[in-house]
Each structure stands twice: as C-alpha cells, then as structure tokens.
N, C-alpha and C. Protein backbone atom coordinates (compact mmCIF):
# COMPACT_ATOMS: atom_id res chain seq x y z
N ALA A 1 0.62 16.68 -5.63
CA ALA A 1 1.69 16.64 -4.69
C ALA A 1 2.06 15.21 -4.46
N VAL A 2 1.22 14.29 -4.83
CA VAL A 2 1.61 12.75 -4.96
C VAL A 2 2.46 12.43 -6.11
N ARG A 3 2.02 13.27 -7.23
CA ARG A 3 2.83 12.93 -8.44
C ARG A 3 4.30 13.49 -8.12
N GLU A 4 4.42 14.53 -7.59
CA GLU A 4 5.76 15.19 -7.26
C GLU A 4 6.52 14.06 -6.31
N LEU A 5 5.86 13.60 -5.32
CA LEU A 5 6.65 12.82 -4.31
C LEU A 5 6.99 11.61 -5.00
N THR A 6 6.13 10.89 -5.90
CA THR A 6 6.39 9.82 -6.60
C THR A 6 7.72 10.13 -7.64
N HIS A 7 7.56 11.17 -8.24
CA HIS A 7 8.78 11.69 -9.11
C HIS A 7 10.12 11.81 -8.19
N LEU A 8 9.86 12.38 -7.10
CA LEU A 8 11.08 12.35 -6.32
C LEU A 8 11.74 11.14 -5.81
N ILE A 9 10.87 10.10 -5.48
CA ILE A 9 11.14 8.89 -5.12
C ILE A 9 11.80 8.04 -6.34
N GLY A 10 11.19 8.22 -7.52
CA GLY A 10 11.65 7.51 -8.62
C GLY A 10 11.94 6.01 -8.15
N GLU A 11 13.08 5.51 -8.50
CA GLU A 11 13.20 4.05 -8.27
C GLU A 11 14.21 3.73 -7.03
N ASP A 12 14.20 4.79 -6.21
CA ASP A 12 15.04 4.76 -5.10
C ASP A 12 14.35 3.98 -3.91
N ARG A 13 14.64 2.67 -3.68
CA ARG A 13 13.95 1.74 -2.80
C ARG A 13 13.90 2.26 -1.34
N LYS A 14 15.32 2.63 -1.12
CA LYS A 14 15.36 3.17 0.42
C LYS A 14 14.63 4.45 0.66
N LEU A 15 14.32 5.35 -0.26
CA LEU A 15 13.65 6.44 -0.06
C LEU A 15 12.06 6.20 0.05
N TYR A 16 11.79 5.09 -0.94
CA TYR A 16 10.30 4.82 -1.00
C TYR A 16 9.90 4.27 0.45
N MET A 17 10.85 3.15 0.82
CA MET A 17 10.54 2.53 2.08
C MET A 17 10.55 3.55 3.42
N THR A 18 11.37 4.66 3.24
CA THR A 18 11.41 5.53 4.20
C THR A 18 10.15 6.43 4.21
N VAL A 19 9.83 6.89 3.22
CA VAL A 19 8.49 7.64 2.99
C VAL A 19 7.17 6.92 3.77
N CYS A 20 7.26 5.48 3.41
CA CYS A 20 6.11 4.55 3.96
C CYS A 20 6.26 4.45 5.55
N SER A 21 7.53 4.16 5.74
CA SER A 21 7.73 4.13 7.31
C SER A 21 7.17 5.40 8.10
N PHE A 22 7.56 6.56 7.33
CA PHE A 22 7.30 8.04 8.02
C PHE A 22 5.79 8.12 8.00
N LEU A 23 5.00 7.68 6.86
CA LEU A 23 3.65 7.80 7.00
C LEU A 23 2.98 6.88 8.03
N ARG A 24 3.57 5.63 8.20
CA ARG A 24 3.13 4.60 9.19
C ARG A 24 3.32 5.23 10.61
N THR A 25 4.38 5.90 10.83
CA THR A 25 4.65 6.46 12.00
C THR A 25 3.63 7.63 12.38
N LEU A 26 3.58 8.40 11.50
CA LEU A 26 2.59 9.56 11.57
C LEU A 26 1.01 8.92 11.93
N PHE A 27 0.77 7.80 11.20
CA PHE A 27 -0.55 7.23 11.59
C PHE A 27 -0.64 6.58 12.98
N VAL A 28 0.34 6.06 13.26
CA VAL A 28 0.54 5.21 14.72
C VAL A 28 0.33 6.49 15.80
N ASN A 29 1.03 7.43 15.48
CA ASN A 29 1.20 8.61 16.54
C ASN A 29 -0.05 9.29 16.68
N THR A 30 -0.72 9.57 15.53
CA THR A 30 -2.00 10.54 15.47
C THR A 30 -3.16 9.75 15.40
N GLY A 31 -3.36 8.58 14.77
CA GLY A 31 -4.39 7.74 14.54
C GLY A 31 -5.25 8.45 13.41
N HIS A 32 -4.85 9.20 12.69
CA HIS A 32 -5.43 9.93 11.40
C HIS A 32 -5.44 8.84 10.31
N ALA A 33 -6.52 8.45 9.68
CA ALA A 33 -6.56 7.37 8.68
C ALA A 33 -6.08 8.08 7.43
N LEU A 34 -5.93 9.42 7.28
CA LEU A 34 -5.47 10.03 6.27
C LEU A 34 -4.08 9.64 5.70
N PHE A 35 -3.19 9.28 6.77
CA PHE A 35 -1.95 8.89 6.36
C PHE A 35 -1.80 7.48 5.92
N CYS A 36 -2.81 6.63 6.07
CA CYS A 36 -2.86 5.30 5.46
C CYS A 36 -3.56 5.52 4.04
N THR A 37 -4.23 6.56 3.83
CA THR A 37 -4.74 6.73 2.59
C THR A 37 -3.62 7.19 1.69
N LEU A 38 -2.94 8.25 2.23
CA LEU A 38 -1.69 8.86 1.38
C LEU A 38 -0.69 7.75 1.09
N ARG A 39 -0.35 6.81 2.09
CA ARG A 39 0.47 5.67 2.01
C ARG A 39 0.02 4.76 0.72
N ALA A 40 -1.30 4.40 0.67
CA ALA A 40 -1.85 3.71 -0.37
C ALA A 40 -1.83 4.52 -1.76
N THR A 41 -1.97 5.72 -1.62
CA THR A 41 -2.07 6.47 -2.84
C THR A 41 -0.74 6.65 -3.53
N VAL A 42 0.29 6.81 -2.61
CA VAL A 42 1.85 6.85 -3.01
C VAL A 42 2.09 5.52 -3.66
N LEU A 43 1.70 4.41 -3.07
CA LEU A 43 1.98 3.09 -3.57
C LEU A 43 1.24 2.93 -4.98
N MET A 44 0.11 3.12 -5.21
CA MET A 44 -0.52 3.17 -6.39
C MET A 44 -0.05 4.12 -7.54
N ALA A 45 0.46 5.28 -7.00
CA ALA A 45 0.93 6.24 -8.06
C ALA A 45 2.18 5.55 -8.56
N ALA A 46 3.08 5.00 -7.53
CA ALA A 46 4.39 4.30 -7.95
C ALA A 46 4.11 3.21 -8.99
N HIS A 47 2.90 2.44 -8.65
CA HIS A 47 2.41 1.30 -9.48
C HIS A 47 2.42 1.85 -10.84
N ASP A 48 1.42 2.92 -10.88
CA ASP A 48 0.91 3.49 -12.27
C ASP A 48 2.09 4.11 -13.08
N ARG A 49 3.01 4.63 -12.36
CA ARG A 49 4.16 5.44 -13.06
C ARG A 49 5.04 4.73 -14.03
N GLN A 50 4.99 5.16 -15.31
CA GLN A 50 5.61 4.49 -16.32
C GLN A 50 6.56 5.51 -16.98
N PRO A 51 7.76 5.27 -17.67
CA PRO A 51 8.37 3.80 -17.48
C PRO A 51 9.34 3.66 -16.35
N SER A 52 9.58 4.80 -15.78
CA SER A 52 10.82 4.74 -14.92
C SER A 52 10.87 4.12 -13.56
N CYS A 53 9.46 4.00 -13.22
CA CYS A 53 9.25 3.29 -11.96
C CYS A 53 8.12 2.23 -12.18
N SER A 54 8.49 1.04 -12.78
CA SER A 54 7.66 0.02 -13.05
C SER A 54 6.95 -0.64 -11.90
N SER A 55 5.81 -1.15 -12.05
CA SER A 55 5.16 -1.85 -11.13
C SER A 55 5.88 -2.96 -10.56
N ALA A 56 6.74 -3.64 -11.42
CA ALA A 56 7.86 -4.70 -10.99
C ALA A 56 8.50 -4.15 -9.72
N HIS A 57 9.10 -2.94 -9.75
CA HIS A 57 9.77 -2.42 -8.62
C HIS A 57 8.96 -2.39 -7.39
N VAL A 58 7.82 -1.85 -7.45
CA VAL A 58 6.84 -1.61 -6.21
C VAL A 58 6.56 -3.07 -5.74
N GLN A 59 6.29 -3.88 -6.68
CA GLN A 59 5.97 -5.13 -6.25
C GLN A 59 6.94 -5.92 -5.39
N ARG A 60 8.06 -5.60 -5.68
CA ARG A 60 9.35 -6.31 -4.89
C ARG A 60 9.60 -5.42 -3.51
N TRP A 61 9.37 -4.16 -3.66
CA TRP A 61 9.58 -3.29 -2.59
C TRP A 61 8.67 -3.34 -1.45
N ASP A 62 7.41 -3.44 -1.83
CA ASP A 62 6.34 -3.22 -0.84
C ASP A 62 5.32 -4.30 -0.51
N PRO A 63 5.32 -5.04 0.69
CA PRO A 63 4.55 -5.99 0.90
C PRO A 63 3.06 -5.78 0.68
N CYS A 64 2.68 -4.53 0.83
CA CYS A 64 1.41 -3.96 0.83
C CYS A 64 0.75 -4.18 -0.75
N HIS A 65 1.70 -4.23 -1.59
CA HIS A 65 1.22 -3.92 -2.97
C HIS A 65 0.30 -4.78 -3.28
N ARG A 66 0.30 -6.02 -3.23
CA ARG A 66 -0.87 -6.92 -3.97
C ARG A 66 -2.11 -6.60 -3.31
N CYS A 67 -2.31 -6.45 -2.00
CA CYS A 67 -3.51 -6.11 -1.18
C CYS A 67 -4.04 -4.74 -1.69
N CYS A 68 -3.16 -3.79 -1.97
CA CYS A 68 -3.67 -2.48 -2.35
C CYS A 68 -4.14 -2.46 -3.88
N TRP A 69 -3.45 -3.27 -4.75
CA TRP A 69 -3.80 -3.49 -6.09
C TRP A 69 -5.19 -4.11 -6.09
N GLY A 70 -5.31 -5.17 -5.26
CA GLY A 70 -6.64 -5.81 -5.25
C GLY A 70 -7.76 -4.94 -4.91
N LEU A 71 -7.61 -4.14 -3.90
CA LEU A 71 -8.61 -3.33 -3.29
C LEU A 71 -8.92 -2.17 -4.39
N ASP A 72 -7.82 -1.56 -5.08
CA ASP A 72 -7.99 -0.51 -5.99
C ASP A 72 -8.67 -0.85 -7.23
N ALA A 73 -8.51 -2.14 -7.58
CA ALA A 73 -9.15 -2.75 -8.81
C ALA A 73 -10.59 -3.00 -8.45
N ALA A 74 -10.85 -3.61 -7.14
CA ALA A 74 -12.29 -3.78 -6.82
C ALA A 74 -13.14 -2.34 -6.70
N ILE A 75 -12.50 -1.30 -6.24
CA ILE A 75 -13.16 -0.03 -6.00
C ILE A 75 -13.32 0.51 -7.63
N ARG A 76 -12.35 0.46 -8.22
CA ARG A 76 -12.43 1.07 -9.65
C ARG A 76 -13.46 0.26 -10.56
N ASP A 77 -13.61 -1.18 -10.28
CA ASP A 77 -14.42 -1.97 -11.32
C ASP A 77 -15.82 -1.97 -10.60
N GLY A 78 -15.93 -1.70 -9.40
CA GLY A 78 -17.23 -1.79 -8.71
C GLY A 78 -17.57 -3.16 -8.20
N HIS A 79 -16.63 -4.13 -8.31
CA HIS A 79 -16.70 -5.54 -7.72
C HIS A 79 -15.30 -6.16 -7.67
N ALA A 80 -15.24 -7.05 -6.89
CA ALA A 80 -13.78 -7.69 -6.64
C ALA A 80 -13.72 -8.93 -7.62
N SER A 81 -12.73 -9.14 -8.33
CA SER A 81 -12.31 -10.25 -9.19
C SER A 81 -11.97 -11.35 -8.24
N THR A 82 -11.99 -12.56 -8.78
CA THR A 82 -11.61 -13.72 -8.05
C THR A 82 -9.97 -13.54 -7.73
N ARG A 83 -9.24 -13.07 -8.65
CA ARG A 83 -7.96 -12.86 -8.57
C ARG A 83 -7.69 -11.70 -7.52
N GLY A 84 -8.30 -10.64 -7.62
CA GLY A 84 -8.37 -9.43 -6.55
C GLY A 84 -8.73 -10.09 -5.11
N VAL A 85 -9.61 -10.83 -4.99
CA VAL A 85 -9.99 -11.41 -3.72
C VAL A 85 -8.79 -12.35 -3.11
N ARG A 86 -8.18 -13.05 -3.99
CA ARG A 86 -7.04 -13.92 -3.59
C ARG A 86 -5.83 -13.14 -3.15
N GLU A 87 -5.67 -11.93 -3.92
CA GLU A 87 -4.56 -10.96 -3.54
C GLU A 87 -4.90 -10.46 -2.14
N ILE A 88 -6.04 -10.02 -1.85
CA ILE A 88 -6.41 -9.28 -0.54
C ILE A 88 -6.28 -10.39 0.35
N ALA A 89 -6.76 -11.59 0.24
CA ALA A 89 -6.94 -12.55 1.20
C ALA A 89 -5.46 -13.05 1.60
N ALA A 90 -4.66 -13.11 0.63
CA ALA A 90 -3.16 -13.60 1.07
C ALA A 90 -2.38 -12.63 1.71
N PHE A 91 -2.90 -11.34 1.86
CA PHE A 91 -2.21 -10.28 2.70
C PHE A 91 -2.63 -10.50 4.01
N LEU A 92 -3.89 -10.76 4.36
CA LEU A 92 -4.48 -10.69 5.56
C LEU A 92 -4.13 -11.95 6.38
N PRO A 93 -3.90 -11.89 7.67
CA PRO A 93 -3.55 -12.96 8.60
C PRO A 93 -4.88 -13.82 8.62
N PRO A 94 -4.62 -15.16 8.81
CA PRO A 94 -5.75 -16.02 9.09
C PRO A 94 -6.51 -15.57 10.14
N LEU A 95 -7.83 -15.88 10.23
CA LEU A 95 -8.62 -15.13 11.41
C LEU A 95 -8.15 -15.79 12.76
N GLY A 96 -7.67 -17.05 12.80
CA GLY A 96 -7.40 -17.46 14.01
C GLY A 96 -5.90 -17.18 14.63
N ALA A 97 -5.27 -16.25 13.72
CA ALA A 97 -3.83 -16.00 13.99
C ALA A 97 -3.77 -14.65 14.57
N ARG A 98 -4.84 -13.96 14.96
CA ARG A 98 -4.76 -12.55 15.31
C ARG A 98 -4.49 -12.49 16.82
N ALA A 99 -3.68 -11.48 17.00
CA ALA A 99 -3.18 -11.40 18.49
C ALA A 99 -4.41 -11.06 19.40
N PRO A 100 -4.52 -11.77 20.54
CA PRO A 100 -5.74 -11.37 21.29
C PRO A 100 -5.78 -10.07 21.78
N ARG A 101 -6.96 -9.52 22.01
CA ARG A 101 -7.21 -8.19 22.56
C ARG A 101 -7.06 -8.33 24.02
N THR A 102 -6.48 -7.43 24.69
CA THR A 102 -6.30 -7.41 25.92
C THR A 102 -7.20 -6.31 26.47
N PRO A 103 -8.13 -6.63 27.75
CA PRO A 103 -8.94 -5.82 28.21
C PRO A 103 -8.41 -4.48 28.50
N ALA A 104 -9.13 -3.29 28.34
CA ALA A 104 -8.63 -2.13 28.53
C ALA A 104 -8.75 -1.68 30.06
C-alpha cells in the first residue's frame, strides 16, 4: 500500500505535502502513533524510490527528512553514526527552547 501511495505521489510536491498534512491531522485528532509511523514510512519510501522520485526531491520538500533518515539508518545499522546523530540533533529544538507545559 505504501509503494502504491508513493507511486501515486510521484514527484508531485503538493500531493506529498497534502498526504503528510493529512497524516499529521489524523495523529493530532486520534493520538494514534500509527499515523506518525505511516508518515515516516511514506517519507522513507519516497527517499528510496528511484529514479523518478529521487531523495533530492524529498530532502527539499520535507523538513523531517534528515531526522527520519538519521533514525532509519541508526535502526538499520544497530547504532547511530556521528553524521546520523548530527542530523537528528539538528532537527530537534534546543532543550531550553521547549514551550513550557501548562498544568492540567
């Protein structure tokens, strides 16, 4: 199903971003992490797809690409490379920059 979805998206940036936005909305509304997993899976499938949807397109389109790429490589290799850690860290906000939690 992911392969078919990635094939349908092809190199259409607007459609790719619409799918990502839809998956984010589903996650926000339901709290089901499976929508985050599906979004990451679609991103990595688009990254891996050759030659029509090169990773260069996804790198430009999706701000999450570098973080997902670093996490995917770490999981695949069983450890995080220095480059992978840098990619993940660059995506995450500095610890002091997080929005304060409001008491429930």
